Structures are given as C-alpha cells and as structure tokens.
Amino acid sequence: MHYSVQIFTWTAREGVHQVGSVIEVDAPNPKAAAVSLLGLRLEDKGESSKLAVRVWRGEDAQKADCDYFFYH
C-alpha cells in the first residue's frame, strides 16, 4: 500500500514542528511505513525520543484517518 508520512519533533521552546517534507512510501501497513524511514524502534510505552510520525493513506491528509507513532 502507498502511504504518506510526516516526521515531527518538539521542544519546550519551539513546540511541535515538522521535520522536512511529506515522504511517500510503499509498505504493507502504517507501522512498517514509519519504521522503514528511519529504522528506529517504535514502542507503545516508555519515554519518547521527541520524534514522531503521522502516517496516512489517500491524498487529503485533513480528511484521512491517520496513525501516529512515537520513536523510542
């Protein structure tokens, strides 16, 4: 399947901001799309590394159901 991925980071001073531009990737599922970009582990709990991604299918990110993953 084809997914669009946005990478985000955050700091106390600057808040949340996008890193780079939207990346298009083919992957079997949203989590695989997120892992394939940076090769970093995604976990369900624990402290985040202040790096996250938003993954969706379709052309309009505002109307699509999105998955969010946090790198650890």
PDB file of N, CA and C in Angstrom:
ATOM      1  N   MET A   1       0.832  -1.170   0.000  1.00  0.00           N
ATOM      2  CA  MET A   1       0.000   0.000   0.000  1.00  0.00           C
ATOM      3  C   MET A   1       0.887   1.248   0.000  1.00  0.00           C
ATOM      4  N   HIS A   2       0.316   2.327  -0.463  1.00  0.00           N
ATOM      5  CA  HIS A   2       1.050   3.586  -0.557  1.00  0.00           C
ATOM      6  C   HIS A   2       0.638   4.504   0.603  1.00  0.00           C
ATOM      7  N   TYR A   3       1.634   5.017   1.333  1.00  0.00           N
ATOM      8  CA  TYR A   3       1.387   5.876   2.490  1.00  0.00           C
ATOM      9  C   TYR A   3       2.138   7.195   2.353  1.00  0.00           C
ATOM     10  N   SER A   4       1.600   8.199   3.001  1.00  0.00           N
ATOM     11  CA  SER A   4       2.283   9.486   3.160  1.00  0.00           C
ATOM     12  C   SER A   4       2.722   9.574   4.605  1.00  0.00           C
ATOM     13  N   VAL A   5       3.934  10.086   4.829  1.00  0.00           N
ATOM     14  CA  VAL A   5       4.496  10.138   6.179  1.00  0.00           C
ATOM     15  C   VAL A   5       5.050  11.532   6.445  1.00  0.00           C
ATOM     16  N   GLN A   6       4.701  12.099   7.587  1.00  0.00           N
ATOM     17  CA  GLN A   6       5.260  13.364   8.059  1.00  0.00           C
ATOM     18  C   GLN A   6       6.031  13.086   9.332  1.00  0.00           C
ATOM     19  N   ILE A   7       7.230  13.634   9.449  1.00  0.00           N
ATOM     20  CA  ILE A   7       8.045  13.474  10.651  1.00  0.00           C
ATOM     21  C   ILE A   7       7.970  14.768  11.454  1.00  0.00           C
ATOM     22  N   PHE A   8       7.772  14.620  12.768  1.00  0.00           N
ATOM     23  CA  PHE A   8       7.666  15.762  13.671  1.00  0.00           C
ATOM     24  C   PHE A   8       8.641  15.620  14.828  1.00  0.00           C
ATOM     25  N   THR A   9       9.047  16.736  15.383  1.00  0.00           N
ATOM     26  CA  THR A   9       9.812  16.778  16.620  1.00  0.00           C
ATOM     27  C   THR A   9       9.249  17.897  17.469  1.00  0.00           C
ATOM     28  N   TRP A  10       9.655  17.982  18.730  1.00  0.00           N
ATOM     29  CA  TRP A  10       9.156  19.048  19.592  1.00  0.00           C
ATOM     30  C   TRP A  10      10.189  19.388  20.656  1.00  0.00           C
ATOM     31  N   THR A  11      10.138  20.630  21.064  1.00  0.00           N
ATOM     32  CA  THR A  11      10.964  21.129  22.161  1.00  0.00           C
ATOM     33  C   THR A  11      10.105  22.065  22.999  1.00  0.00           C
ATOM     34  N   ALA A  12      10.518  22.306  24.223  1.00  0.00           N
ATOM     35  CA  ALA A  12       9.768  23.218  25.085  1.00  0.00           C
ATOM     36  C   ALA A  12       9.757  24.629  24.510  1.00  0.00           C
ATOM     37  N   ARG A  13      10.833  25.033  23.918  1.00  0.00           N
ATOM     38  CA  ARG A  13      10.947  26.387  23.390  1.00  0.00           C
ATOM     39  C   ARG A  13      10.188  26.572  22.064  1.00  0.00           C
ATOM     40  N   GLU A  14      10.318  25.612  21.155  1.00  0.00           N
ATOM     41  CA  GLU A  14       9.743  25.773  19.811  1.00  0.00           C
ATOM     42  C   GLU A  14       8.416  25.058  19.615  1.00  0.00           C
ATOM     43  N   GLY A  15       8.029  24.201  20.534  1.00  0.00           N
ATOM     44  CA  GLY A  15       6.797  23.438  20.368  1.00  0.00           C
ATOM     45  C   GLY A  15       6.965  22.350  19.312  1.00  0.00           C
ATOM     46  N   VAL A  16       5.863  21.918  18.717  1.00  0.00           N
ATOM     47  CA  VAL A  16       5.880  20.862  17.703  1.00  0.00           C
ATOM     48  C   VAL A  16       6.125  21.483  16.331  1.00  0.00           C
ATOM     49  N   HIS A  17       7.026  20.867  15.567  1.00  0.00           N
ATOM     50  CA  HIS A  17       7.235  21.330  14.198  1.00  0.00           C
ATOM     51  C   HIS A  17       7.637  20.163  13.299  1.00  0.00           C
ATOM     52  N   GLN A  18       7.285  20.289  12.032  1.00  0.00           N
ATOM     53  CA  GLN A  18       7.556  19.259  11.041  1.00  0.00           C
ATOM     54  C   GLN A  18       9.018  19.294  10.651  1.00  0.00           C
ATOM     55  N   VAL A  19       9.595  18.107  10.454  1.00  0.00           N
ATOM     56  CA  VAL A  19      10.977  17.979  10.008  1.00  0.00           C
ATOM     57  C   VAL A  19      10.946  17.554   8.546  1.00  0.00           C
ATOM     58  N   GLY A  20      11.449  18.380   7.656  1.00  0.00           N
ATOM     59  CA  GLY A  20      11.440  18.042   6.234  1.00  0.00           C
ATOM     60  C   GLY A  20      10.053  18.136   5.642  1.00  0.00           C
ATOM     61  N   SER A  21       9.870  17.456   4.524  1.00  0.00           N
ATOM     62  CA  SER A  21       8.581  17.479   3.841  1.00  0.00           C
ATOM     63  C   SER A  21       7.922  16.109   3.927  1.00  0.00           C
ATOM     64  N   VAL A  22       6.709  16.011   3.439  1.00  0.00           N
ATOM     65  CA  VAL A  22       5.972  14.746   3.426  1.00  0.00           C
ATOM     66  C   VAL A  22       6.721  13.752   2.536  1.00  0.00           C
ATOM     67  N   ILE A  23       6.835  12.529   3.013  1.00  0.00           N
ATOM     68  CA  ILE A  23       7.538  11.473   2.287  1.00  0.00           C
ATOM     69  C   ILE A  23       6.525  10.421   1.861  1.00  0.00           C
ATOM     70  N   GLU A  24       6.606   9.988   0.622  1.00  0.00           N
ATOM     71  CA  GLU A  24       5.738   8.943   0.101  1.00  0.00           C
ATOM     72  C   GLU A  24       6.486   7.617   0.195  1.00  0.00           C
ATOM     73  N   VAL A  25       5.821   6.574   0.692  1.00  0.00           N
ATOM     74  CA  VAL A  25       6.476   5.275   0.866  1.00  0.00           C
ATOM     75  C   VAL A  25       5.477   4.148   0.634  1.00  0.00           C
ATOM     76  N   ASP A  26       5.948   3.050   0.070  1.00  0.00           N
ATOM     77  CA  ASP A  26       5.136   1.849  -0.087  1.00  0.00           C
ATOM     78  C   ASP A  26       5.495   0.888   1.038  1.00  0.00           C
ATOM     79  N   ALA A  27       4.490   0.393   1.735  1.00  0.00           N
ATOM     80  CA  ALA A  27       4.701  -0.510   2.867  1.00  0.00           C
ATOM     81  C   ALA A  27       3.432  -1.335   3.074  1.00  0.00           C
ATOM     82  N   PRO A  28       3.552  -2.473   3.762  1.00  0.00           N
ATOM     83  CA  PRO A  28       2.372  -3.319   3.980  1.00  0.00           C
ATOM     84  C   PRO A  28       1.373  -2.753   4.993  1.00  0.00           C
ATOM     85  N   ASN A  29       1.842  -1.841   5.892  1.00  0.00           N
ATOM     86  CA  ASN A  29       0.955  -1.263   6.892  1.00  0.00           C
ATOM     87  C   ASN A  29       1.563   0.048   7.400  1.00  0.00           C
ATOM     88  N   PRO A  30       0.802   0.859   8.136  1.00  0.00           N
ATOM     89  CA  PRO A  30       1.307   2.157   8.597  1.00  0.00           C
ATOM     90  C   PRO A  30       2.555   2.061   9.477  1.00  0.00           C
ATOM     91  N   LYS A  31       2.600   1.075  10.365  1.00  0.00           N
ATOM     92  CA  LYS A  31       3.762   0.950  11.249  1.00  0.00           C
ATOM     93  C   LYS A  31       5.017   0.627  10.450  1.00  0.00           C
ATOM     94  N   ALA A  32       4.896  -0.249   9.466  1.00  0.00           N
ATOM     95  CA  ALA A  32       6.049  -0.568   8.608  1.00  0.00           C
ATOM     96  C   ALA A  32       6.503   0.662   7.832  1.00  0.00           C
ATOM     97  N   ALA A  33       5.571   1.503   7.422  1.00  0.00           N
ATOM     98  CA  ALA A  33       5.930   2.741   6.719  1.00  0.00           C
ATOM     99  C   ALA A  33       6.738   3.648   7.637  1.00  0.00           C
ATOM    100  N   ALA A  34       6.353   3.742   8.900  1.00  0.00           N
ATOM    101  CA  ALA A  34       7.061   4.591   9.851  1.00  0.00           C
ATOM    102  C   ALA A  34       8.451   4.048  10.161  1.00  0.00           C
ATOM    103  N   VAL A  35       8.574   2.741  10.343  1.00  0.00           N
ATOM    104  CA  VAL A  35       9.857   2.126  10.679  1.00  0.00           C
ATOM    105  C   VAL A  35      10.815   2.177   9.487  1.00  0.00           C
ATOM    106  N   SER A  36      10.301   2.026   8.278  1.00  0.00           N
ATOM    107  CA  SER A  36      11.169   1.957   7.104  1.00  0.00           C
ATOM    108  C   SER A  36      11.925   3.248   6.846  1.00  0.00           C
ATOM    109  N   LEU A  37      11.421   4.375   7.312  1.00  0.00           N
ATOM    110  CA  LEU A  37      12.075   5.653   7.034  1.00  0.00           C
ATOM    111  C   LEU A  37      13.355   5.857   7.814  1.00  0.00           C
ATOM    112  N   LEU A  38      13.311   5.604   9.107  1.00  0.00           N
ATOM    113  CA  LEU A  38      14.463   5.904   9.953  1.00  0.00           C
ATOM    114  C   LEU A  38      15.096   4.667  10.577  1.00  0.00           C
ATOM    115  N   GLY A  39      14.433   3.543  10.492  1.00  0.00           N
ATOM    116  CA  GLY A  39      14.967   2.326  11.078  1.00  0.00           C
ATOM    117  C   GLY A  39      15.009   2.365  12.601  1.00  0.00           C
ATOM    118  N   LEU A  40      14.240   3.263  13.220  1.00  0.00           N
ATOM    119  CA  LEU A  40      14.200   3.368  14.671  1.00  0.00           C
ATOM    120  C   LEU A  40      13.041   2.546  15.220  1.00  0.00           C
ATOM    121  N   ARG A  41      13.181   2.080  16.446  1.00  0.00           N
ATOM    122  CA  ARG A  41      12.133   1.274  17.069  1.00  0.00           C
ATOM    123  C   ARG A  41      10.920   2.113  17.431  1.00  0.00           C
ATOM    124  N   LEU A  42       9.772   1.523  17.266  1.00  0.00           N
ATOM    125  CA  LEU A  42       8.523   2.125  17.719  1.00  0.00           C
ATOM    126  C   LEU A  42       7.994   1.279  18.855  1.00  0.00           C
ATOM    127  N   GLU A  43       7.705   1.907  19.977  1.00  0.00           N
ATOM    128  CA  GLU A  43       7.189   1.191  21.133  1.00  0.00           C
ATOM    129  C   GLU A  43       5.861   1.805  21.564  1.00  0.00           C
ATOM    130  N   ASP A  44       5.076   1.034  22.298  1.00  0.00           N
ATOM    131  CA  ASP A  44       3.783   1.506  22.782  1.00  0.00           C
ATOM    132  C   ASP A  44       3.886   2.245  24.102  1.00  0.00           C
ATOM    133  N   LYS A  45       5.003   2.098  24.817  1.00  0.00           N
ATOM    134  CA  LYS A  45       5.153   2.770  26.096  1.00  0.00           C
ATOM    135  C   LYS A  45       6.615   3.130  26.318  1.00  0.00           C
ATOM    136  N   GLY A  46       6.865   3.918  27.346  1.00  0.00           N
ATOM    137  CA  GLY A  46       8.213   4.384  27.618  1.00  0.00           C
ATOM    138  C   GLY A  46       8.378   5.823  27.162  1.00  0.00           C
ATOM    139  N   GLU A  47       9.511   6.404  27.484  1.00  0.00           N
ATOM    140  CA  GLU A  47       9.759   7.800  27.142  1.00  0.00           C
ATOM    141  C   GLU A  47      10.063   7.957  25.662  1.00  0.00           C
ATOM    142  N   SER A  48       9.455   8.936  25.039  1.00  0.00           N
ATOM    143  CA  SER A  48       9.660   9.196  23.621  1.00  0.00           C
ATOM    144  C   SER A  48      10.974   9.924  23.395  1.00  0.00           C
ATOM    145  N   SER A  49      11.538   9.767  22.214  1.00  0.00           N
ATOM    146  CA  SER A  49      12.791  10.435  21.858  1.00  0.00           C
ATOM    147  C   SER A  49      12.546  11.812  21.253  1.00  0.00           C
ATOM    148  N   LYS A  50      11.332  12.332  21.388  1.00  0.00           N
ATOM    149  CA  LYS A  50      10.928  13.619  20.821  1.00  0.00           C
ATOM    150  C   LYS A  50      10.942  13.589  19.294  1.00  0.00           C
ATOM    151  N   LEU A  51      10.616  12.429  18.763  1.00  0.00           N
ATOM    152  CA  LEU A  51      10.478  12.262  17.329  1.00  0.00           C
ATOM    153  C   LEU A  51       9.241  11.409  17.090  1.00  0.00           C
ATOM    154  N   ALA A  52       8.359  11.872  16.221  1.00  0.00           N
ATOM    155  CA  ALA A  52       7.112  11.161  15.949  1.00  0.00           C
ATOM    156  C   ALA A  52       6.787  11.260  14.469  1.00  0.00           C
ATOM    157  N   VAL A  53       5.899  10.386  14.006  1.00  0.00           N
ATOM    158  CA  VAL A  53       5.443  10.438  12.618  1.00  0.00           C
ATOM    159  C   VAL A  53       3.934  10.341  12.561  1.00  0.00           C
ATOM    160  N   ARG A  54       3.398  10.922  11.514  1.00  0.00           N
ATOM    161  CA  ARG A  54       1.976  10.790  11.190  1.00  0.00           C
ATOM    162  C   ARG A  54       1.930  10.072   9.850  1.00  0.00           C
ATOM    163  N   VAL A  55       1.141   8.996   9.764  1.00  0.00           N
ATOM    164  CA  VAL A  55       1.061   8.171   8.563  1.00  0.00           C
ATOM    165  C   VAL A  55      -0.389   8.102   8.116  1.00  0.00           C
ATOM    166  N   TRP A  56      -0.626   8.271   6.801  1.00  0.00           N
ATOM    167  CA  TRP A  56      -1.985   8.168   6.280  1.00  0.00           C
ATOM    168  C   TRP A  56      -1.973   7.683   4.837  1.00  0.00           C
ATOM    169  N   ARG A  57      -3.131   7.188   4.411  1.00  0.00           N
ATOM    170  CA  ARG A  57      -3.348   6.792   3.015  1.00  0.00           C
ATOM    171  C   ARG A  57      -4.332   7.766   2.402  1.00  0.00           C
ATOM    172  N   GLY A  58      -4.172   8.032   1.140  1.00  0.00           N
ATOM    173  CA  GLY A  58      -5.074   8.944   0.454  1.00  0.00           C
ATOM    174  C   GLY A  58      -4.400  10.274   0.198  1.00  0.00           C
ATOM    175  N   GLU A  59      -5.047  11.090  -0.571  1.00  0.00           N
ATOM    176  CA  GLU A  59      -4.437  12.342  -0.991  1.00  0.00           C
ATOM    177  C   GLU A  59      -4.638  13.492  -0.017  1.00  0.00           C
ATOM    178  N   ASP A  60      -5.726  13.488   0.727  1.00  0.00           N
ATOM    179  CA  ASP A  60      -6.020  14.616   1.603  1.00  0.00           C
ATOM    180  C   ASP A  60      -5.772  14.249   3.060  1.00  0.00           C
ATOM    181  N   ALA A  61      -4.682  14.744   3.615  1.00  0.00           N
ATOM    182  CA  ALA A  61      -4.326  14.430   5.000  1.00  0.00           C
ATOM    183  C   ALA A  61      -5.355  14.964   5.987  1.00  0.00           C
ATOM    184  N   GLN A  62      -6.076  16.009   5.633  1.00  0.00           N
ATOM    185  CA  GLN A  62      -7.076  16.581   6.532  1.00  0.00           C
ATOM    186  C   GLN A  62      -8.301  15.681   6.676  1.00  0.00           C
ATOM    187  N   LYS A  63      -8.594  14.876   5.656  1.00  0.00           N
ATOM    188  CA  LYS A  63      -9.783  14.023   5.673  1.00  0.00           C
ATOM    189  C   LYS A  63      -9.457  12.558   5.945  1.00  0.00           C
ATOM    190  N   ALA A  64      -8.193  12.187   5.867  1.00  0.00           N
ATOM    191  CA  ALA A  64      -7.799  10.785   6.030  1.00  0.00           C
ATOM    192  C   ALA A  64      -7.704  10.397   7.504  1.00  0.00           C
ATOM    193  N   ASP A  65      -7.915   9.120   7.770  1.00  0.00           N
ATOM    194  CA  ASP A  65      -7.639   8.582   9.103  1.00  0.00           C
ATOM    195  C   ASP A  65      -6.134   8.420   9.218  1.00  0.00           C
ATOM    196  N   CYS A  66      -5.551   9.008  10.246  1.00  0.00           N
ATOM    197  CA  CYS A  66      -4.099   8.995  10.407  1.00  0.00           C
ATOM    198  C   CYS A  66      -3.693   8.107  11.570  1.00  0.00           C
ATOM    199  N   ASP A  67      -2.524   7.511  11.441  1.00  0.00           N
ATOM    200  CA  ASP A  67      -1.897   6.777  12.533  1.00  0.00           C
ATOM    201  C   ASP A  67      -0.714   7.600  13.004  1.00  0.00           C
ATOM    202  N   TYR A  68      -0.477   7.594  14.310  1.00  0.00           N
ATOM    203  CA  TYR A  68       0.643   8.342  14.897  1.00  0.00           C
ATOM    204  C   TYR A  68       1.547   7.368  15.625  1.00  0.00           C
ATOM    205  N   PHE A  69       2.856   7.523  15.437  1.00  0.00           N
ATOM    206  CA  PHE A  69       3.829   6.654  16.086  1.00  0.00           C
ATOM    207  C   PHE A  69       4.915   7.519  16.701  1.00  0.00           C
ATOM    208  N   PHE A  70       5.407   7.082  17.877  1.00  0.00           N
ATOM    209  CA  PHE A  70       6.449   7.807  18.581  1.00  0.00           C
ATOM    210  C   PHE A  70       7.690   6.918  18.661  1.00  0.00           C
ATOM    211  N   TYR A  71       8.822   7.464  18.254  1.00  0.00           N
ATOM    212  CA  TYR A  71      10.072   6.728  18.293  1.00  0.00           C
ATOM    213  C   TYR A  71      10.646   6.738  19.702  1.00  0.00           C
ATOM    214  N   HIS A  72      11.270   5.611  20.092  1.00  0.00           N
ATOM    215  CA  HIS A  72      11.862   5.475  21.433  1.00  0.00           C
ATOM    216  C   HIS A  72      13.312   5.097  21.317  1.00  0.00           C
TER     217      HIS A  72
END
